[in-house]
């Protein structure tokens, strides 16, 4: 899963992309996040689409101090979507 995610974001070896569909930030700028959609063609040539949320905490300089990525699927489902039958 992590290799597929990295290949989508940085290497471009997967025919997939991650689109951010919504962004939010707390009034004091200390917390924020985004809703994203990861979609494309998986390793078996089948289409897949997965959504998730990224939650961030920012330091005094506005840099990410902590980041947490969550999605509503079991890891097996994500692996199958990315490598096998799609979603």
N, C-alpha and C. Protein backbone atom coordinates (compact mmCIF):
# COMPACT_ATOMS: atom_id res chain seq x y z
N UNK A 1 0.82 -1.19 0.00
CA UNK A 1 0.00 0.00 0.00
C UNK A 1 0.86 1.25 0.00
N UNK A 2 1.84 1.28 0.89
CA UNK A 2 2.68 2.47 0.99
C UNK A 2 3.48 2.69 -0.30
N UNK A 3 3.92 1.60 -0.94
CA UNK A 3 4.63 1.74 -2.21
C UNK A 3 3.72 2.31 -3.29
N UNK A 4 2.48 1.82 -3.34
CA UNK A 4 1.53 2.33 -4.33
C UNK A 4 1.23 3.80 -4.08
N UNK A 5 1.06 4.17 -2.83
CA UNK A 5 0.81 5.57 -2.47
C UNK A 5 2.00 6.44 -2.91
N UNK A 6 3.22 6.00 -2.58
CA UNK A 6 4.43 6.73 -2.95
C UNK A 6 4.56 6.81 -4.47
N UNK A 7 4.28 5.71 -5.17
CA UNK A 7 4.40 5.70 -6.63
C UNK A 7 3.39 6.64 -7.27
N UNK A 8 2.23 6.81 -6.65
CA UNK A 8 1.25 7.76 -7.16
C UNK A 8 1.72 9.19 -6.94
N UNK A 9 2.22 9.47 -5.74
CA UNK A 9 2.58 10.84 -5.38
C UNK A 9 3.90 11.30 -5.97
N UNK A 10 4.93 10.47 -5.92
CA UNK A 10 6.28 10.94 -6.20
C UNK A 10 6.94 10.37 -7.44
N UNK A 11 6.64 9.14 -7.78
CA UNK A 11 7.36 8.48 -8.86
C UNK A 11 6.59 8.51 -10.17
N UNK A 12 5.27 8.49 -10.09
CA UNK A 12 4.44 8.52 -11.29
C UNK A 12 4.38 7.19 -12.01
N UNK A 13 4.71 6.08 -11.33
CA UNK A 13 4.68 4.77 -11.99
C UNK A 13 3.29 4.13 -11.97
N UNK A 14 2.39 4.66 -11.16
CA UNK A 14 1.00 4.18 -11.18
C UNK A 14 0.16 5.16 -11.97
N UNK A 15 -0.80 4.64 -12.73
CA UNK A 15 -1.73 5.51 -13.44
C UNK A 15 -2.84 5.89 -12.47
N UNK A 16 -2.50 6.75 -11.53
CA UNK A 16 -3.44 7.16 -10.49
C UNK A 16 -3.10 8.56 -10.04
N UNK A 17 -4.07 9.17 -9.37
CA UNK A 17 -3.81 10.50 -8.82
C UNK A 17 -4.61 10.67 -7.54
N UNK A 18 -4.22 11.67 -6.78
CA UNK A 18 -4.92 12.01 -5.54
C UNK A 18 -5.44 13.43 -5.69
N UNK A 19 -6.76 13.58 -5.64
CA UNK A 19 -7.38 14.89 -5.74
C UNK A 19 -7.92 15.28 -4.37
N UNK A 20 -7.58 16.47 -3.93
CA UNK A 20 -8.13 17.01 -2.68
C UNK A 20 -9.47 17.65 -3.01
N UNK A 21 -10.51 17.21 -2.29
CA UNK A 21 -11.86 17.70 -2.58
C UNK A 21 -12.36 18.73 -1.57
N UNK A 22 -11.74 18.79 -0.40
CA UNK A 22 -12.15 19.75 0.62
C UNK A 22 -10.99 19.98 1.58
N UNK A 23 -10.77 21.23 1.97
CA UNK A 23 -9.70 21.59 2.91
C UNK A 23 -10.30 22.41 4.05
N UNK A 24 -9.83 22.18 5.26
CA UNK A 24 -10.27 23.01 6.38
C UNK A 24 -9.08 23.35 7.28
N UNK A 25 -9.23 24.47 8.02
CA UNK A 25 -8.20 24.95 8.93
C UNK A 25 -8.88 25.59 10.12
N UNK A 26 -8.39 25.29 11.33
CA UNK A 26 -8.96 25.89 12.54
C UNK A 26 -8.70 27.40 12.54
N UNK A 27 -9.50 28.12 13.30
CA UNK A 27 -9.37 29.58 13.35
C UNK A 27 -7.99 30.03 13.80
N UNK A 28 -7.38 29.31 14.74
CA UNK A 28 -6.06 29.71 15.21
C UNK A 28 -4.92 29.13 14.37
N UNK A 29 -5.24 28.34 13.35
CA UNK A 29 -4.23 27.80 12.45
C UNK A 29 -3.43 26.64 12.99
N UNK A 30 -3.84 26.09 14.13
CA UNK A 30 -3.06 25.02 14.74
C UNK A 30 -3.43 23.63 14.22
N UNK A 31 -4.61 23.50 13.63
CA UNK A 31 -5.06 22.20 13.12
C UNK A 31 -5.78 22.40 11.78
N UNK A 32 -5.70 21.38 10.97
CA UNK A 32 -6.37 21.43 9.68
C UNK A 32 -6.42 20.05 9.07
N UNK A 33 -6.92 20.00 7.88
CA UNK A 33 -6.97 18.71 7.20
C UNK A 33 -7.59 18.82 5.84
N UNK A 34 -7.70 17.68 5.19
CA UNK A 34 -8.34 17.66 3.87
C UNK A 34 -8.99 16.31 3.63
N UNK A 35 -9.99 16.35 2.78
CA UNK A 35 -10.68 15.16 2.29
C UNK A 35 -10.13 14.91 0.90
N UNK A 36 -9.72 13.68 0.61
CA UNK A 36 -9.09 13.39 -0.66
C UNK A 36 -9.71 12.15 -1.32
N UNK A 37 -9.48 12.05 -2.62
CA UNK A 37 -9.94 10.92 -3.41
C UNK A 37 -8.74 10.39 -4.19
N UNK A 38 -8.38 9.13 -3.95
CA UNK A 38 -7.28 8.47 -4.64
C UNK A 38 -7.91 7.56 -5.68
N UNK A 39 -7.61 7.80 -6.95
CA UNK A 39 -8.28 7.02 -7.99
C UNK A 39 -7.39 6.87 -9.22
N UNK A 40 -7.72 5.86 -10.01
CA UNK A 40 -6.96 5.59 -11.22
C UNK A 40 -7.09 4.14 -11.62
N UNK A 41 -6.02 3.61 -12.20
CA UNK A 41 -5.98 2.22 -12.65
C UNK A 41 -4.96 1.48 -11.80
N UNK A 42 -5.37 0.33 -11.25
CA UNK A 42 -4.48 -0.40 -10.36
C UNK A 42 -3.49 -1.26 -11.13
N UNK A 43 -2.68 -2.02 -10.41
CA UNK A 43 -1.63 -2.85 -11.00
C UNK A 43 -2.18 -3.91 -11.94
N UNK A 44 -3.44 -4.33 -11.76
CA UNK A 44 -4.04 -5.35 -12.61
C UNK A 44 -4.79 -4.73 -13.79
N UNK A 45 -4.76 -3.40 -13.91
CA UNK A 45 -5.45 -2.73 -15.01
C UNK A 45 -6.91 -2.41 -14.74
N UNK A 46 -7.35 -2.56 -13.50
CA UNK A 46 -8.74 -2.29 -13.14
C UNK A 46 -8.85 -0.91 -12.47
N UNK A 47 -9.99 -0.24 -12.67
CA UNK A 47 -10.17 1.07 -12.03
C UNK A 47 -10.38 0.91 -10.53
N UNK A 48 -9.87 1.88 -9.77
CA UNK A 48 -10.13 1.90 -8.34
C UNK A 48 -10.37 3.33 -7.90
N UNK A 49 -11.03 3.47 -6.76
CA UNK A 49 -11.31 4.79 -6.19
C UNK A 49 -11.47 4.61 -4.68
N UNK A 50 -10.66 5.35 -3.93
CA UNK A 50 -10.69 5.29 -2.47
C UNK A 50 -10.68 6.72 -1.93
N UNK A 51 -11.44 6.96 -0.89
CA UNK A 51 -11.43 8.29 -0.27
C UNK A 51 -10.83 8.19 1.12
N UNK A 52 -10.37 9.32 1.63
CA UNK A 52 -9.79 9.36 2.96
C UNK A 52 -9.67 10.78 3.46
N UNK A 53 -9.13 10.89 4.67
CA UNK A 53 -8.98 12.18 5.33
C UNK A 53 -7.55 12.29 5.86
N UNK A 54 -6.98 13.47 5.72
CA UNK A 54 -5.68 13.78 6.30
C UNK A 54 -5.90 14.82 7.39
N UNK A 55 -5.42 14.55 8.60
CA UNK A 55 -5.55 15.47 9.73
C UNK A 55 -4.16 15.94 10.12
N UNK A 56 -3.97 17.26 10.25
CA UNK A 56 -2.66 17.82 10.54
C UNK A 56 -2.70 18.72 11.77
N UNK A 57 -1.57 18.75 12.48
CA UNK A 57 -1.33 19.74 13.53
C UNK A 57 -0.12 20.55 13.09
N UNK A 58 -0.20 21.89 13.26
CA UNK A 58 0.86 22.77 12.80
C UNK A 58 1.58 23.41 13.98
N UNK A 59 2.88 23.66 13.80
CA UNK A 59 3.65 24.33 14.85
C UNK A 59 3.50 25.85 14.71
N UNK A 60 4.22 26.59 15.53
CA UNK A 60 4.13 28.05 15.55
C UNK A 60 4.55 28.68 14.22
N UNK A 61 5.39 27.98 13.45
CA UNK A 61 5.86 28.50 12.16
C UNK A 61 4.95 28.09 11.01
N UNK A 62 3.85 27.38 11.32
CA UNK A 62 2.93 26.93 10.27
C UNK A 62 3.36 25.66 9.57
N UNK A 63 4.40 25.01 10.09
CA UNK A 63 4.86 23.75 9.50
C UNK A 63 4.12 22.58 10.13
N UNK A 64 3.98 21.50 9.39
CA UNK A 64 3.28 20.33 9.91
C UNK A 64 4.11 19.69 11.01
N UNK A 65 3.53 19.61 12.20
CA UNK A 65 4.18 18.97 13.34
C UNK A 65 3.78 17.50 13.42
N UNK A 66 2.53 17.21 13.09
CA UNK A 66 2.01 15.84 13.08
C UNK A 66 0.99 15.71 11.96
N UNK A 67 0.97 14.55 11.34
CA UNK A 67 0.02 14.27 10.28
C UNK A 67 -0.52 12.87 10.46
N UNK A 68 -1.81 12.72 10.26
CA UNK A 68 -2.46 11.42 10.42
C UNK A 68 -3.39 11.20 9.24
N UNK A 69 -3.20 10.11 8.51
CA UNK A 69 -4.04 9.77 7.37
C UNK A 69 -4.97 8.63 7.77
N UNK A 70 -6.26 8.82 7.52
CA UNK A 70 -7.24 7.79 7.84
C UNK A 70 -8.15 7.55 6.64
N UNK A 71 -8.64 6.33 6.54
CA UNK A 71 -9.62 5.98 5.51
C UNK A 71 -10.55 4.93 6.10
N UNK A 72 -11.79 4.87 5.58
CA UNK A 72 -12.80 4.00 6.19
C UNK A 72 -12.79 2.56 5.68
N UNK A 73 -11.62 2.04 5.35
CA UNK A 73 -11.52 0.69 4.80
C UNK A 73 -10.52 -0.13 5.59
N UNK A 74 -10.75 -1.44 5.67
CA UNK A 74 -9.69 -2.29 6.24
C UNK A 74 -8.49 -2.31 5.28
N UNK A 75 -7.30 -2.50 5.80
CA UNK A 75 -6.10 -2.50 4.97
C UNK A 75 -6.18 -3.52 3.84
N UNK A 76 -6.80 -4.67 4.08
CA UNK A 76 -6.94 -5.70 3.03
C UNK A 76 -7.72 -5.17 1.83
N UNK A 77 -8.76 -4.37 2.10
CA UNK A 77 -9.59 -3.80 1.04
C UNK A 77 -8.76 -2.83 0.20
N UNK A 78 -7.96 -2.00 0.85
CA UNK A 78 -7.12 -1.03 0.14
C UNK A 78 -6.10 -1.77 -0.71
N UNK A 79 -5.47 -2.77 -0.16
CA UNK A 79 -4.47 -3.54 -0.90
C UNK A 79 -5.10 -4.20 -2.12
N UNK A 80 -6.26 -4.78 -1.96
CA UNK A 80 -6.96 -5.41 -3.07
C UNK A 80 -7.34 -4.38 -4.14
N UNK A 81 -7.77 -3.20 -3.71
CA UNK A 81 -8.14 -2.14 -4.66
C UNK A 81 -6.95 -1.70 -5.49
N UNK A 82 -5.80 -1.55 -4.85
CA UNK A 82 -4.62 -1.02 -5.52
C UNK A 82 -3.91 -2.07 -6.37
N UNK A 83 -3.91 -3.31 -5.91
CA UNK A 83 -3.16 -4.35 -6.63
C UNK A 83 -4.03 -5.27 -7.47
N UNK A 84 -5.29 -5.45 -7.11
CA UNK A 84 -6.08 -6.49 -7.75
C UNK A 84 -7.33 -6.07 -8.46
N UNK A 85 -8.47 -6.37 -7.84
CA UNK A 85 -9.74 -6.29 -8.54
C UNK A 85 -10.32 -4.88 -8.66
N UNK A 86 -9.77 -3.90 -7.98
CA UNK A 86 -10.31 -2.54 -8.05
C UNK A 86 -11.45 -2.35 -7.09
N UNK A 87 -12.10 -1.19 -7.18
CA UNK A 87 -13.23 -0.89 -6.30
C UNK A 87 -14.36 -0.28 -7.09
